[in-house]
């Protein structure tokens, strides 16, 4: 059971880490990465395969894209500052979420 929990924790860390790194990449490359995300998703999805592709892209990049789009209404210097701060805040929040999730899973299953 310990190895299953460890594997699950690694998966959670990878998903959360990918979101934070993608958010930092959006700070560096901006609209180029946004176009990549939009190119990789279907809007609106018409069948189950397209929905699965959208879910996969959202799992890897969803939170970062959400914050990037929310920050578009600000002027360029403010937006860049927010985009620089966002990955660090996301990392702290993800660390807290991971610790709480890990603690809960270990209490329940071990």
Protein backbone atom coordinates (compact mmCIF):
# COMPACT_ATOMS: atom_id res chain seq x y z
CA UNK A 1 0.00 0.00 0.00
CA UNK A 2 2.93 2.32 0.72
CA UNK A 3 4.20 2.04 -2.85
CA UNK A 4 0.76 2.84 -4.28
CA UNK A 5 0.54 5.97 -2.12
CA UNK A 6 4.06 7.00 -3.13
CA UNK A 7 3.19 6.57 -6.80
CA UNK A 8 0.01 8.60 -6.34
CA UNK A 9 1.97 11.34 -4.57
CA UNK A 10 4.52 11.46 -7.39
CA UNK A 11 1.72 11.84 -9.94
CA UNK A 12 0.22 14.71 -7.93
CA UNK A 13 3.62 16.41 -7.67
CA UNK A 14 4.20 16.04 -11.41
CA UNK A 15 0.82 17.55 -12.31
CA UNK A 16 1.20 20.47 -9.92
CA UNK A 17 4.81 21.07 -10.93
CA UNK A 18 3.85 21.10 -14.59
CA UNK A 19 1.26 23.80 -13.89
CA UNK A 20 3.78 26.01 -12.06
CA UNK A 21 6.49 25.56 -14.72
CA UNK A 22 4.00 26.28 -17.49
CA UNK A 23 2.94 29.44 -15.68
CA UNK A 24 6.57 30.59 -15.59
CA UNK A 25 6.93 29.70 -19.28
CA UNK A 26 3.91 31.88 -20.02
CA UNK A 27 5.72 34.73 -18.30
CA UNK A 28 8.74 34.22 -20.56
CA UNK A 29 7.06 33.40 -23.88
CA UNK A 30 3.56 34.83 -23.47
CA UNK A 31 1.15 34.46 -26.34
CA UNK A 32 3.32 31.88 -28.10
CA UNK A 33 2.49 29.31 -25.41
CA UNK A 34 -1.13 30.44 -25.31
CA UNK A 35 -1.42 29.73 -29.04
CA UNK A 36 0.14 26.30 -28.45
CA UNK A 37 -2.50 25.58 -25.82
CA UNK A 38 -5.33 26.77 -28.08
CA UNK A 39 -3.91 24.74 -30.97
CA UNK A 40 -3.87 21.61 -28.79
CA UNK A 41 -7.46 21.88 -27.59
CA UNK A 42 -10.81 21.58 -29.30
CA UNK A 43 -13.37 24.31 -28.85
CA UNK A 44 -16.04 23.02 -28.48
CA UNK A 45 -15.22 19.29 -28.31
CA UNK A 46 -17.50 17.22 -30.52
CA UNK A 47 -16.76 13.65 -29.38
CA UNK A 48 -15.24 11.71 -26.49
CA UNK A 49 -11.70 11.68 -27.92
CA UNK A 50 -11.66 15.47 -28.26
CA UNK A 51 -13.00 15.79 -24.71
CA UNK A 52 -10.21 13.52 -23.44
CA UNK A 53 -7.61 15.65 -25.24
CA UNK A 54 -9.05 18.80 -23.64
CA UNK A 55 -9.01 17.18 -20.19
CA UNK A 56 -5.38 16.17 -20.67
CA UNK A 57 -4.36 19.67 -21.71
CA UNK A 58 -6.29 21.18 -18.81
CA UNK A 59 -4.63 18.82 -16.33
CA UNK A 60 -1.22 19.90 -17.56
CA UNK A 61 -1.79 23.60 -18.22
CA UNK A 62 -5.26 24.61 -17.02
CA UNK A 63 -4.53 26.73 -13.94
CA UNK A 64 -1.66 28.57 -15.61
CA UNK A 65 -3.81 29.41 -18.64
CA UNK A 66 -6.66 30.54 -16.40
CA UNK A 67 -4.45 33.03 -14.54
CA UNK A 68 -2.79 34.16 -17.77
CA UNK A 69 -6.14 35.01 -19.33
CA UNK A 70 -7.33 36.78 -16.16
CA UNK A 71 -4.21 38.97 -16.19
CA UNK A 72 -4.77 40.17 -19.78
CA UNK A 73 -6.94 43.08 -18.65
CA UNK A 74 -4.02 44.84 -16.90
CA UNK A 75 -1.39 47.07 -18.49
CA UNK A 76 1.79 45.43 -19.73
CA UNK A 77 4.09 46.19 -16.74
CA UNK A 78 1.48 45.17 -14.17
CA UNK A 79 0.65 42.03 -16.17
CA UNK A 80 4.31 40.98 -16.35
CA UNK A 81 4.73 41.55 -12.62
CA UNK A 82 1.66 39.43 -11.90
CA UNK A 83 2.92 36.75 -14.28
CA UNK A 84 6.24 36.70 -12.43
CA UNK A 85 4.57 36.39 -9.02
CA UNK A 86 1.96 33.80 -10.06
CA UNK A 87 4.29 30.75 -10.39
CA UNK A 88 5.73 31.33 -6.93
CA UNK A 89 2.32 31.72 -5.32
CA UNK A 90 1.09 28.65 -7.22
CA UNK A 91 4.08 26.67 -5.94
CA UNK A 92 3.37 27.60 -2.33
CA UNK A 93 -0.34 26.81 -2.66
CA UNK A 94 0.41 23.52 -4.43
CA UNK A 95 2.87 22.57 -1.67
CA UNK A 96 0.21 23.15 1.00
CA UNK A 97 -2.40 21.23 -1.02
CA UNK A 98 0.05 18.37 -1.54
CA UNK A 99 0.92 18.17 2.15
CA UNK A 100 -2.75 18.15 3.17
CA UNK A 101 -3.63 15.55 0.53
CA UNK A 102 -0.70 13.36 1.47
CA UNK A 103 -1.50 13.58 5.17
CA UNK A 104 -5.15 12.71 4.53
CA UNK A 105 -4.31 9.74 2.28
CA UNK A 106 -1.81 8.38 4.78
CA UNK A 107 -4.34 8.67 7.62
CA UNK A 108 -7.00 6.86 5.59
CA UNK A 109 -4.95 4.12 3.94
CA UNK A 110 -2.10 3.43 6.37
